[in-house]
N, C-alpha and C. Protein backbone atom coordinates (compact mmCIF):
# COMPACT_ATOMS: atom_id res chain seq x y z
N UNK A 1 -33.91 35.00 -16.52
CA UNK A 1 -33.79 35.39 -17.82
C UNK A 1 -34.59 34.49 -18.97
N UNK A 2 -34.63 35.63 -19.69
CA UNK A 2 -35.94 34.15 -21.05
C UNK A 2 -34.26 33.84 -21.73
N UNK A 3 -34.55 33.03 -21.96
CA UNK A 3 -33.62 31.62 -22.68
C UNK A 3 -33.99 31.45 -24.12
N UNK A 4 -35.31 30.75 -24.56
CA UNK A 4 -35.96 29.82 -25.47
C UNK A 4 -37.72 30.64 -25.51
N UNK A 5 -37.68 30.84 -26.39
CA UNK A 5 -39.50 30.86 -26.81
C UNK A 5 -39.92 30.55 -27.35
N UNK A 6 -40.61 29.83 -27.53
CA UNK A 6 -41.23 28.76 -28.23
C UNK A 6 -43.35 29.42 -29.04
N UNK A 7 -43.27 29.85 -29.95
CA UNK A 7 -44.70 29.85 -30.09
C UNK A 7 -45.14 30.21 -31.76
N UNK A 8 -45.90 30.75 -32.49
CA UNK A 8 -46.92 30.76 -33.35
C UNK A 8 -46.56 32.10 -33.76
N UNK A 9 -45.10 32.08 -35.17
CA UNK A 9 -44.50 33.47 -35.61
C UNK A 9 -45.85 34.10 -36.39
N UNK A 10 -46.19 35.61 -35.86
CA UNK A 10 -47.25 35.81 -36.32
C UNK A 10 -46.42 37.27 -37.47
N UNK A 11 -45.37 37.47 -37.21
CA UNK A 11 -44.83 38.62 -37.97
C UNK A 11 -43.16 38.63 -38.42
N UNK A 12 -43.25 38.44 -39.52
CA UNK A 12 -41.81 39.00 -39.21
C UNK A 12 -41.04 40.79 -39.90
N UNK A 13 -40.51 40.98 -39.75
CA UNK A 13 -39.52 42.46 -40.34
C UNK A 13 -37.98 42.21 -40.63
N UNK A 14 -37.61 43.44 -41.30
CA UNK A 14 -36.09 42.69 -42.01
C UNK A 14 -35.30 42.44 -40.60
N UNK A 15 -35.59 43.26 -39.35
CA UNK A 15 -34.58 43.20 -37.73
C UNK A 15 -35.37 42.71 -37.31
N UNK A 16 -36.30 41.67 -37.17
CA UNK A 16 -37.12 40.82 -35.77
C UNK A 16 -38.21 40.49 -36.11
N UNK A 17 -38.86 39.71 -35.29
CA UNK A 17 -40.17 38.67 -35.32
C UNK A 17 -41.15 38.98 -34.08
N UNK A 18 -42.32 38.60 -34.24
CA UNK A 18 -43.42 38.61 -33.10
C UNK A 18 -43.96 37.14 -33.01
N UNK A 19 -43.52 36.83 -31.80
CA UNK A 19 -43.69 35.79 -31.86
C UNK A 19 -45.26 35.33 -30.41
N UNK A 20 -46.24 34.96 -30.96
CA UNK A 20 -47.46 35.01 -29.97
C UNK A 20 -47.25 33.76 -29.50
N UNK A 21 -46.84 33.72 -28.07
CA UNK A 21 -46.88 33.28 -27.25
C UNK A 21 -47.90 32.81 -25.56
N UNK A 22 -49.04 31.61 -26.18
CA UNK A 22 -50.26 31.91 -25.02
C UNK A 22 -51.06 33.36 -25.14
N UNK A 23 -50.91 34.39 -26.37
CA UNK A 23 -51.82 35.11 -26.34
C UNK A 23 -51.11 36.26 -26.33
N UNK A 24 -49.77 36.11 -25.75
CA UNK A 24 -48.98 37.38 -25.74
C UNK A 24 -47.81 37.43 -26.79
N UNK A 25 -47.59 38.57 -27.03
CA UNK A 25 -46.45 38.76 -28.56
C UNK A 25 -45.76 39.57 -27.93
N UNK A 26 -44.17 38.61 -27.86
CA UNK A 26 -43.39 39.01 -27.74
C UNK A 26 -42.58 39.39 -29.32
N UNK A 27 -42.18 40.85 -29.60
CA UNK A 27 -41.06 41.67 -30.52
C UNK A 27 -39.90 41.04 -30.24
N UNK A 28 -39.49 39.97 -30.59
CA UNK A 28 -37.43 39.38 -30.81
C UNK A 28 -36.94 40.26 -31.80
N UNK A 29 -36.02 40.89 -32.08
CA UNK A 29 -34.92 41.05 -33.00
C UNK A 29 -33.96 39.79 -32.87
N UNK A 30 -33.97 40.02 -34.21
CA UNK A 30 -33.09 38.90 -34.88
C UNK A 30 -32.06 39.27 -35.70
N UNK A 31 -31.16 38.34 -36.18
CA UNK A 31 -29.99 38.19 -36.65
C UNK A 31 -30.50 38.02 -37.77
N UNK A 32 -30.07 38.36 -39.51
CA UNK A 32 -30.37 37.91 -41.15
C UNK A 32 -30.21 36.28 -41.42
N UNK A 33 -29.19 35.80 -40.70
CA UNK A 33 -29.00 34.87 -40.21
C UNK A 33 -30.29 33.99 -39.70
N UNK A 34 -30.74 34.93 -38.76
CA UNK A 34 -32.09 34.35 -37.82
C UNK A 34 -33.49 33.69 -38.97
N UNK A 35 -33.73 35.15 -39.39
CA UNK A 35 -34.37 35.72 -40.50
C UNK A 35 -34.67 34.68 -41.21
N UNK A 36 -33.84 34.07 -41.64
CA UNK A 36 -33.81 33.00 -43.22
C UNK A 36 -34.47 31.77 -42.57
N UNK A 37 -33.74 31.10 -42.02
CA UNK A 37 -34.42 30.16 -40.91
C UNK A 37 -35.75 30.48 -40.52
N UNK A 38 -36.28 31.31 -40.75
CA UNK A 38 -38.00 31.62 -40.64
C UNK A 38 -38.84 30.59 -41.05
N UNK A 39 -40.10 30.12 -41.23
CA UNK A 39 -40.72 29.65 -42.06
C UNK A 39 -41.59 31.09 -42.30
N UNK A 40 -43.17 30.30 -42.77
CA UNK A 40 -44.24 31.85 -43.33
C UNK A 40 -44.56 31.63 -41.91
N UNK A 41 -45.46 32.91 -41.84
CA UNK A 41 -46.18 33.69 -40.68
C UNK A 41 -46.94 32.45 -40.42
N UNK A 42 -47.35 32.14 -39.02
CA UNK A 42 -48.64 30.97 -38.12
C UNK A 42 -48.02 29.45 -38.17
N UNK A 43 -46.66 29.68 -38.78
CA UNK A 43 -46.26 28.47 -38.38
C UNK A 43 -45.53 28.63 -36.74
N UNK A 44 -45.37 27.35 -35.98
CA UNK A 44 -44.41 27.14 -34.79
C UNK A 44 -42.98 27.73 -34.71
N UNK A 45 -42.52 28.03 -34.16
CA UNK A 45 -41.05 28.54 -33.82
C UNK A 45 -40.36 28.44 -32.38
N UNK A 46 -39.26 27.75 -32.62
CA UNK A 46 -38.25 28.21 -31.07
C UNK A 46 -36.90 28.96 -31.27
N UNK A 47 -36.94 29.64 -30.39
CA UNK A 47 -35.65 30.73 -30.73
C UNK A 47 -35.06 30.76 -29.65
N UNK A 48 -33.72 30.00 -29.27
CA UNK A 48 -32.95 30.83 -28.59
C UNK A 48 -32.47 31.50 -28.37
N UNK A 49 -32.81 33.03 -26.81
CA UNK A 49 -33.16 34.14 -26.92
C UNK A 49 -32.43 34.78 -25.99
N UNK A 50 -31.86 36.07 -25.99
CA UNK A 50 -30.98 36.66 -24.83
C UNK A 50 -31.39 38.04 -24.61
N UNK A 51 -31.97 38.33 -23.34
CA UNK A 51 -33.08 39.39 -22.40
C UNK A 51 -32.05 40.75 -22.02
N UNK A 52 -32.00 41.93 -22.32
CA UNK A 52 -31.49 42.93 -22.24
C UNK A 52 -32.71 43.69 -21.89
N UNK A 53 -32.33 43.99 -20.34
CA UNK A 53 -32.84 44.76 -19.63
C UNK A 53 -31.93 46.29 -19.18
N UNK A 54 -32.44 47.60 -20.24
CA UNK A 54 -32.05 48.75 -20.39
C UNK A 54 -33.20 49.65 -18.92
N UNK A 55 -32.25 50.96 -18.53
CA UNK A 55 -33.29 52.06 -18.24
C UNK A 55 -33.98 52.36 -18.81
N UNK A 56 -34.11 52.61 -20.41
CA UNK A 56 -35.41 52.99 -20.99
C UNK A 56 -35.96 51.73 -21.64
N UNK A 57 -35.11 50.65 -21.78
CA UNK A 57 -36.17 49.67 -22.43
C UNK A 57 -35.91 48.15 -22.13
N UNK A 58 -36.42 47.05 -22.41
CA UNK A 58 -36.53 45.88 -22.58
C UNK A 58 -36.32 45.37 -23.50
N UNK A 59 -35.03 44.51 -24.05
CA UNK A 59 -35.48 43.86 -25.46
C UNK A 59 -34.74 42.50 -25.68
N UNK A 60 -35.19 42.16 -26.57
CA UNK A 60 -35.46 40.38 -26.58
C UNK A 60 -34.78 40.21 -27.26
N UNK A 61 -33.60 39.48 -27.90
CA UNK A 61 -32.87 39.05 -29.10
C UNK A 61 -32.46 37.67 -29.11
N UNK A 62 -32.99 37.04 -30.40
CA UNK A 62 -33.56 35.65 -30.40
C UNK A 62 -32.40 35.15 -31.71
N UNK A 63 -32.04 33.43 -31.98
CA UNK A 63 -31.67 32.81 -32.78
C UNK A 63 -32.21 31.54 -33.64
N UNK A 64 -31.82 30.90 -34.30
CA UNK A 64 -32.32 29.66 -34.29
C UNK A 64 -31.41 28.69 -33.56
N UNK A 65 -30.16 29.25 -33.20
CA UNK A 65 -29.44 27.52 -32.54
C UNK A 65 -28.92 28.37 -31.41
N UNK A 66 -28.66 27.09 -30.97
CA UNK A 66 -28.17 27.08 -29.57
C UNK A 66 -26.61 28.56 -29.85
N UNK A 67 -26.26 27.60 -30.58
CA UNK A 67 -24.61 28.37 -31.25
C UNK A 67 -25.26 29.79 -31.48
N UNK A 68 -26.06 30.12 -32.05
CA UNK A 68 -25.75 32.06 -32.82
C UNK A 68 -25.91 32.16 -31.11
N UNK A 69 -26.89 31.97 -30.26
CA UNK A 69 -26.98 32.64 -28.90
C UNK A 69 -25.51 32.59 -28.04
N UNK A 70 -24.80 31.96 -28.24
CA UNK A 70 -23.71 32.07 -27.19
C UNK A 70 -22.46 32.88 -28.33
N UNK A 71 -22.48 32.91 -29.45
CA UNK A 71 -21.65 33.72 -30.79
C UNK A 71 -22.21 35.10 -29.96
N UNK A 72 -23.13 35.25 -29.85
CA UNK A 72 -23.96 36.52 -29.60
C UNK A 72 -23.83 36.76 -28.18
N UNK A 73 -23.25 36.14 -27.21
CA UNK A 73 -22.99 36.81 -25.59
C UNK A 73 -21.39 36.41 -25.86
N UNK A 74 -20.72 35.69 -26.64
CA UNK A 74 -19.38 35.84 -26.87
C UNK A 74 -19.13 37.45 -27.29
N UNK A 75 -20.40 38.08 -28.11
CA UNK A 75 -19.84 39.78 -28.77
C UNK A 75 -19.85 40.93 -27.93
N UNK A 76 -21.12 40.49 -27.15
CA UNK A 76 -21.66 41.54 -26.43
C UNK A 76 -20.36 41.60 -25.01
N UNK A 77 -19.86 40.24 -24.73
CA UNK A 77 -18.67 40.98 -23.69
C UNK A 77 -17.54 41.49 -23.95
N UNK A 78 -17.48 41.43 -25.37
CA UNK A 78 -16.39 42.91 -25.44
C UNK A 78 -17.04 44.34 -25.36
N UNK A 79 -15.46 44.58 -24.83
CA UNK A 79 -15.74 46.34 -24.58
C UNK A 79 -15.89 47.09 -25.78
N UNK A 80 -17.34 48.03 -25.49
CA UNK A 80 -17.73 48.69 -27.15
C UNK A 80 -18.26 47.49 -27.88
N UNK A 81 -18.94 46.69 -28.03
CA UNK A 81 -19.48 45.82 -28.64
C UNK A 81 -20.79 45.75 -27.93
N UNK A 82 -21.74 46.14 -27.84
CA UNK A 82 -23.49 45.90 -27.93
C UNK A 82 -24.57 45.12 -28.45
N UNK A 83 -25.67 45.20 -27.62
CA UNK A 83 -25.86 43.67 -28.71
C UNK A 83 -26.49 44.53 -30.39
N UNK A 84 -26.90 45.49 -30.52
CA UNK A 84 -26.56 46.06 -31.49
C UNK A 84 -26.02 45.76 -32.76
N UNK A 85 -24.34 46.23 -32.13
CA UNK A 85 -23.59 45.58 -32.63
C UNK A 85 -23.32 44.28 -33.32
N UNK A 86 -23.52 43.84 -32.06
CA UNK A 86 -23.13 42.37 -31.73
C UNK A 86 -24.13 41.67 -33.47
N UNK A 87 -25.56 42.14 -33.15
CA UNK A 87 -26.28 41.58 -34.43
C UNK A 87 -25.91 41.75 -35.87
N UNK A 88 -25.25 43.08 -35.72
CA UNK A 88 -24.66 43.72 -36.89
C UNK A 88 -23.69 42.53 -37.91
N UNK A 89 -23.33 42.25 -36.34
CA UNK A 89 -21.66 41.59 -36.87
C UNK A 89 -22.17 39.82 -37.56
N UNK A 90 -22.78 39.45 -36.77
CA UNK A 90 -23.83 38.69 -37.03
C UNK A 90 -24.84 38.16 -38.24
N UNK A 91 -25.58 39.44 -38.31
CA UNK A 91 -26.56 39.66 -39.68
C UNK A 91 -25.12 39.78 -41.13
N UNK A 92 -23.91 40.11 -41.02
CA UNK A 92 -23.00 40.14 -41.48
C UNK A 92 -22.05 39.45 -42.37
N UNK A 93 -21.89 38.37 -41.40
CA UNK A 93 -20.11 37.36 -41.31
C UNK A 93 -21.52 35.70 -40.82
N UNK A 94 -20.78 34.63 -41.53
CA UNK A 94 -21.10 34.02 -40.34
C UNK A 94 -19.78 33.78 -39.26
N UNK A 95 -20.66 32.60 -38.43
CA UNK A 95 -19.18 31.83 -37.58
C UNK A 95 -18.17 31.57 -37.54
N UNK A 96 -18.25 30.63 -39.23
CA UNK A 96 -16.97 30.07 -40.08
C UNK A 96 -15.99 31.89 -39.82
N UNK A 97 -16.62 32.73 -41.03
CA UNK A 97 -16.48 34.04 -41.82
C UNK A 97 -15.69 34.54 -40.64
N UNK A 98 -16.49 35.09 -39.31
CA UNK A 98 -15.65 35.77 -38.43
C UNK A 98 -14.57 34.79 -37.88
N UNK A 99 -14.31 33.42 -37.62
CA UNK A 99 -13.12 32.85 -36.67
C UNK A 99 -12.39 33.38 -38.57
N UNK A 100 -11.93 33.32 -39.85
CA UNK A 100 -11.65 33.50 -40.63
C UNK A 100 -10.63 34.96 -41.16
N UNK A 101 -12.32 35.55 -40.50
CA UNK A 101 -11.67 37.32 -40.36
C UNK A 101 -10.52 37.22 -39.12
N UNK A 102 -10.75 36.79 -37.42
CA UNK A 102 -9.74 36.66 -36.80
C UNK A 102 -8.30 36.22 -36.91
N UNK A 103 -8.65 35.05 -37.53
CA UNK A 103 -7.38 34.45 -37.70
C UNK A 103 -6.41 35.22 -39.04
N UNK A 104 -6.98 35.91 -39.57
CA UNK A 104 -6.05 36.28 -40.45
C UNK A 104 -6.13 37.93 -40.52
N UNK A 105 -6.90 38.55 -39.58
CA UNK A 105 -6.42 39.53 -38.64
C UNK A 105 -6.82 40.72 -39.84
N UNK A 106 -7.72 40.79 -40.53
CA UNK A 106 -8.58 41.38 -41.16
C UNK A 106 -9.59 42.53 -41.18
N UNK A 107 -9.12 43.39 -40.03
CA UNK A 107 -9.63 44.32 -40.04
C UNK A 107 -10.41 45.12 -40.97
N UNK A 108 -9.92 45.66 -42.24
CA UNK A 108 -10.86 46.20 -43.02
C UNK A 108 -12.03 45.08 -43.35
N UNK A 109 -12.04 44.34 -43.58
CA UNK A 109 -12.99 43.17 -43.37
C UNK A 109 -14.95 43.34 -42.46
N UNK A 110 -13.90 43.40 -40.83
CA UNK A 110 -14.74 44.16 -39.98
C UNK A 110 -15.09 45.33 -40.09
N UNK A 111 -14.54 46.25 -40.55
CA UNK A 111 -15.00 47.61 -40.33
C UNK A 111 -15.97 47.93 -41.94
N UNK A 112 -16.62 46.89 -42.20
CA UNK A 112 -17.26 47.12 -43.42
C UNK A 112 -18.56 46.84 -42.33
N UNK A 113 -18.80 46.25 -41.45
CA UNK A 113 -20.17 46.18 -41.23
C UNK A 113 -20.61 46.83 -40.60
N UNK A 114 -21.47 47.63 -40.51
CA UNK A 114 -22.01 49.00 -39.50
C UNK A 114 -21.95 49.12 -38.47
N UNK A 115 -21.48 50.79 -38.47
CA UNK A 115 -21.28 50.69 -36.85
C UNK A 115 -20.51 50.45 -36.32
N UNK A 116 -19.09 49.00 -36.95
CA UNK A 116 -18.16 48.63 -36.28
C UNK A 116 -16.68 49.58 -37.17
N UNK A 117 -16.41 50.31 -35.98
CA UNK A 117 -14.53 51.34 -36.61
C UNK A 117 -13.84 50.78 -36.41
N UNK A 118 -12.24 51.36 -36.76
CA UNK A 118 -11.39 50.28 -36.65
C UNK A 118 -10.75 49.68 -35.67
N UNK A 119 -11.48 50.82 -34.02
CA UNK A 119 -10.71 50.38 -32.96
C UNK A 119 -11.60 49.32 -32.30
N UNK A 120 -12.18 49.89 -33.16
CA UNK A 120 -13.37 48.01 -32.29
C UNK A 120 -13.39 47.07 -33.32
N UNK A 121 -12.90 46.71 -34.08
CA UNK A 121 -12.60 45.71 -35.38
C UNK A 121 -11.50 45.24 -34.51
N UNK A 122 -10.05 46.21 -34.62
CA UNK A 122 -8.54 45.54 -34.05
C UNK A 122 -9.36 45.03 -32.05
N UNK A 123 -10.28 45.63 -31.69
CA UNK A 123 -10.32 45.30 -30.15
C UNK A 123 -11.54 43.91 -30.72
N UNK A 124 -12.41 43.17 -31.64
CA UNK A 124 -13.13 42.37 -31.31
C UNK A 124 -11.79 41.22 -31.71
N UNK A 125 -10.62 41.18 -32.42
CA UNK A 125 -9.65 40.30 -33.61
C UNK A 125 -8.74 40.28 -32.39
N UNK A 126 -8.43 40.78 -31.64
CA UNK A 126 -7.92 40.74 -30.15
C UNK A 126 -8.39 39.53 -29.09
N UNK A 127 -10.00 40.21 -29.42
CA UNK A 127 -10.20 39.38 -27.88
C UNK A 127 -11.09 38.04 -28.61
N UNK A 128 -11.59 37.95 -29.26
CA UNK A 128 -11.55 37.04 -30.21
C UNK A 128 -10.73 36.26 -30.53
N UNK A 129 -9.72 36.03 -30.67
CA UNK A 129 -8.20 35.47 -31.08
C UNK A 129 -8.42 33.97 -30.57
N UNK A 130 -8.20 33.94 -29.52
CA UNK A 130 -7.96 33.09 -28.63
C UNK A 130 -9.68 32.19 -28.55
N UNK A 131 -10.51 32.96 -28.54
CA UNK A 131 -11.73 31.49 -28.80
C UNK A 131 -12.48 31.43 -30.01
N UNK A 132 -11.84 31.75 -31.38
CA UNK A 132 -11.46 31.48 -32.20
C UNK A 132 -11.03 30.40 -33.21
N UNK A 133 -10.17 30.58 -32.95
CA UNK A 133 -8.80 30.22 -33.52
C UNK A 133 -8.48 28.58 -33.61
N UNK A 134 -9.45 28.22 -32.33
CA UNK A 134 -9.52 26.96 -32.05
C UNK A 134 -10.01 26.25 -33.53
N UNK A 135 -11.34 27.37 -34.38
CA UNK A 135 -12.10 26.71 -34.76
C UNK A 135 -11.75 26.64 -36.66
N UNK A 136 -11.11 27.75 -36.30
CA UNK A 136 -10.20 28.19 -37.94
C UNK A 136 -9.59 27.27 -38.05
N UNK A 137 -8.02 26.94 -36.97
CA UNK A 137 -6.88 25.54 -36.85
C UNK A 137 -6.90 24.35 -37.03
N UNK A 138 -8.26 24.33 -36.76
CA UNK A 138 -8.95 22.26 -36.61
C UNK A 138 -9.90 22.62 -38.05
N UNK A 139 -10.28 23.28 -38.41
CA UNK A 139 -11.86 23.20 -39.21
C UNK A 139 -12.71 22.89 -38.51
N UNK A 140 -13.25 22.82 -37.60
CA UNK A 140 -14.29 22.61 -36.79
C UNK A 140 -15.63 23.44 -36.85
N UNK A 141 -16.68 23.43 -37.23
CA UNK A 141 -17.67 23.78 -37.30
C UNK A 141 -17.85 24.64 -36.48
N UNK A 142 -18.72 25.82 -36.66
CA UNK A 142 -18.97 26.66 -35.58
C UNK A 142 -19.53 26.51 -34.01
N UNK A 143 -20.47 25.46 -34.34
CA UNK A 143 -21.53 25.01 -33.34
C UNK A 143 -20.26 24.35 -32.60
N UNK A 144 -19.12 23.21 -33.08
CA UNK A 144 -18.43 22.73 -32.04
C UNK A 144 -17.37 23.62 -31.33
N UNK A 145 -17.43 24.57 -31.67
CA UNK A 145 -16.08 25.88 -31.43
C UNK A 145 -17.24 26.74 -29.95
N UNK A 146 -18.22 27.18 -30.14
CA UNK A 146 -19.08 27.36 -29.92
C UNK A 146 -19.19 26.64 -28.56
N UNK A 147 -19.36 25.41 -28.22
CA UNK A 147 -19.94 24.78 -27.53
C UNK A 147 -18.71 24.49 -26.43
N UNK A 148 -17.18 25.16 -26.56
CA UNK A 148 -16.08 25.75 -25.98
C UNK A 148 -15.94 26.51 -25.01
N UNK A 149 -16.82 27.43 -26.06
CA UNK A 149 -16.84 28.47 -25.65
C UNK A 149 -18.15 28.57 -23.92
N UNK A 150 -18.58 27.70 -24.52
CA UNK A 150 -20.50 27.78 -23.31
C UNK A 150 -19.33 26.52 -22.08
N UNK A 151 -18.40 26.29 -22.26
CA UNK A 151 -17.69 25.30 -21.37
C UNK A 151 -17.00 26.72 -20.50
N UNK A 152 -16.01 27.08 -21.45
CA UNK A 152 -15.44 28.70 -21.17
C UNK A 152 -16.11 29.93 -19.48
N UNK A 153 -17.80 29.75 -20.58
CA UNK A 153 -18.61 31.04 -19.95
C UNK A 153 -19.24 29.99 -18.63
N UNK A 154 -19.26 29.11 -18.18
CA UNK A 154 -19.50 28.37 -17.33
C UNK A 154 -18.09 28.28 -15.96
N UNK A 155 -17.41 27.98 -16.86
CA UNK A 155 -15.95 27.93 -15.99
C UNK A 155 -15.94 29.88 -14.99
N UNK A 156 -16.40 30.29 -15.68
CA UNK A 156 -16.16 32.04 -15.51
C UNK A 156 -16.93 32.49 -14.98
N UNK A 157 -17.82 31.96 -15.00
CA UNK A 157 -19.54 31.73 -13.85
C UNK A 157 -18.97 31.15 -12.13
N UNK A 158 -18.59 30.44 -12.32
CA UNK A 158 -17.83 29.44 -11.27
C UNK A 158 -17.02 29.90 -10.49
N UNK A 159 -16.42 30.59 -11.13
CA UNK A 159 -15.06 31.67 -10.25
C UNK A 159 -15.53 32.53 -10.02
N UNK A 160 -16.39 33.64 -10.95
CA UNK A 160 -17.10 34.52 -10.19
C UNK A 160 -17.99 34.53 -9.00
N UNK A 161 -18.71 33.20 -8.98
CA UNK A 161 -19.46 32.29 -7.75
C UNK A 161 -18.63 32.58 -6.52
N UNK A 162 -17.20 32.26 -6.84
CA UNK A 162 -16.47 32.01 -5.52
C UNK A 162 -15.56 33.72 -5.23
N UNK A 163 -15.93 34.63 -5.78
CA UNK A 163 -15.83 35.85 -5.60
C UNK A 163 -14.53 36.72 -6.28
N UNK A 164 -14.34 35.63 -7.47
CA UNK A 164 -13.42 36.40 -8.59
C UNK A 164 -14.07 37.09 -9.49
N UNK A 165 -13.26 38.44 -9.81
CA UNK A 165 -13.95 39.68 -10.72
C UNK A 165 -14.19 38.88 -11.96
N UNK A 166 -14.95 39.85 -12.64
CA UNK A 166 -15.44 38.96 -13.95
C UNK A 166 -13.86 38.98 -14.34
N UNK A 167 -12.96 40.15 -14.56
CA UNK A 167 -11.74 40.42 -15.53
C UNK A 167 -11.13 39.16 -14.68
N UNK A 168 -10.98 38.82 -13.88
CA UNK A 168 -9.95 38.07 -13.07
C UNK A 168 -10.30 36.78 -13.07
N UNK A 169 -11.62 35.93 -13.28
CA UNK A 169 -12.47 34.70 -13.95
C UNK A 169 -11.27 34.50 -15.39
N UNK A 170 -11.68 35.93 -16.31
CA UNK A 170 -11.45 35.29 -17.36
C UNK A 170 -10.21 35.41 -17.64
N UNK A 171 -9.41 35.89 -17.34
CA UNK A 171 -7.61 35.43 -17.61
C UNK A 171 -7.18 34.30 -16.46
N UNK A 172 -8.18 34.09 -16.00
CA UNK A 172 -7.43 32.36 -15.02
C UNK A 172 -8.42 31.72 -15.94
N UNK A 173 -9.41 31.64 -16.66
CA UNK A 173 -9.57 30.36 -17.50
C UNK A 173 -8.78 30.57 -18.72
N UNK A 174 -8.06 32.17 -19.52
CA UNK A 174 -7.90 31.13 -21.09
C UNK A 174 -6.33 31.46 -20.44
N UNK A 175 -5.75 31.33 -19.14
CA UNK A 175 -4.74 31.20 -19.37
C UNK A 175 -4.73 29.26 -18.86
N UNK A 176 -5.40 28.62 -18.33
CA UNK A 176 -6.19 27.43 -18.26
C UNK A 176 -5.97 26.67 -19.49
N UNK A 177 -6.94 27.43 -20.86
CA UNK A 177 -7.41 26.67 -22.24
C UNK A 177 -5.72 27.35 -22.59
N UNK A 178 -4.87 27.84 -22.68
CA UNK A 178 -3.49 27.95 -23.00
C UNK A 178 -2.71 26.81 -23.28
N UNK A 179 -2.95 26.03 -21.66
CA UNK A 179 -1.98 24.81 -21.49
C UNK A 179 -2.74 24.29 -22.25
N UNK A 180 -4.16 23.57 -22.28
CA UNK A 180 -4.91 22.10 -22.72
C UNK A 180 -6.22 22.41 -23.40
N UNK A 181 -7.05 22.07 -23.36
CA UNK A 181 -8.03 21.96 -24.17
C UNK A 181 -9.05 21.19 -23.12
N UNK A 182 -10.18 21.70 -23.03
CA UNK A 182 -11.43 20.72 -22.13
C UNK A 182 -12.75 21.02 -22.58
N UNK A 183 -13.04 19.10 -22.25
CA UNK A 183 -14.18 19.23 -22.87
C UNK A 183 -15.51 19.59 -22.05
N UNK A 184 -15.06 19.29 -19.93
CA UNK A 184 -15.94 19.53 -19.39
C UNK A 184 -15.73 20.78 -18.68
N UNK A 185 -16.34 21.19 -18.00
CA UNK A 185 -16.52 22.84 -17.59
C UNK A 185 -15.65 22.56 -16.16
N UNK A 186 -15.66 21.50 -15.43
CA UNK A 186 -15.40 21.11 -14.22
C UNK A 186 -13.84 21.09 -13.78
N UNK A 187 -13.54 20.23 -15.30
CA UNK A 187 -11.96 20.54 -15.04
C UNK A 187 -10.74 21.43 -15.56
N UNK A 188 -11.89 23.11 -16.41
CA UNK A 188 -11.93 23.64 -16.66
C UNK A 188 -11.41 24.50 -15.35
N UNK A 189 -12.14 24.64 -14.74
CA UNK A 189 -12.48 25.00 -13.65
C UNK A 189 -10.77 24.80 -12.81
N UNK A 190 -11.09 23.17 -12.42
CA UNK A 190 -10.08 22.85 -11.50
C UNK A 190 -8.77 23.50 -12.05
N UNK A 191 -8.24 23.24 -13.31
CA UNK A 191 -6.73 24.15 -14.25
C UNK A 191 -7.25 25.29 -13.76
N UNK A 192 -8.36 26.01 -14.11
CA UNK A 192 -8.32 27.68 -13.60
C UNK A 192 -7.68 28.00 -12.79
N UNK A 193 -8.07 27.36 -11.30
CA UNK A 193 -8.03 27.54 -9.90
C UNK A 193 -6.27 27.19 -9.96
N UNK A 194 -5.77 26.21 -10.29
CA UNK A 194 -4.66 25.76 -10.31
C UNK A 194 -3.85 27.11 -10.89
N UNK A 195 -4.42 28.49 -11.76
CA UNK A 195 -3.46 29.33 -12.18
C UNK A 195 -2.86 29.84 -10.95
N UNK A 196 -3.67 29.81 -10.21
CA UNK A 196 -3.93 31.07 -8.62
C UNK A 196 -2.23 30.73 -7.83
N UNK A 197 -1.80 29.11 -7.97
CA UNK A 197 -0.83 28.91 -7.16
C UNK A 197 0.84 29.34 -8.09
N UNK A 198 0.36 29.78 -9.41
CA UNK A 198 1.81 29.46 -10.48
C UNK A 198 2.39 30.61 -10.32
């Protein structure tokens, strides 16, 4: 997995950047929020990345900060949301705006994003509600919210390593998070495992 790229910015388009890393050029698709953060060509940049391998292509998606990378990963876990749609959502609304949309149940706002239909918008709101409502209700910045998501991801990965199916791991972690807030993945894993005996 390629998670970070540092190199010279060679070219910018409306949807991607080309970065030269020791003589190798990487084309990296980025949301508009990241594109706006890019300096002039010739400058050194660092992007947090997500690498997608498909039958017909290998794609790199890049983000100006780790919080954006984590939001992207959160979005593509939702059924019906692929990398291109996740980039479209992130280009259309900020993480805080998305939290507000989810809290307000604003399907109408989400369907304005290219490629997002009513059913997908409804699914996004339902599946993101537990993950994004914390930031909305406590006024936390999006980076704080996504840090929590990272803990959740670590806990789910650990449970999957123990042999739980992804859907089972997600349910156990979600149940634990409903009962308490966690700052360490170890504590969340323990609480999730306790859900099994209840």
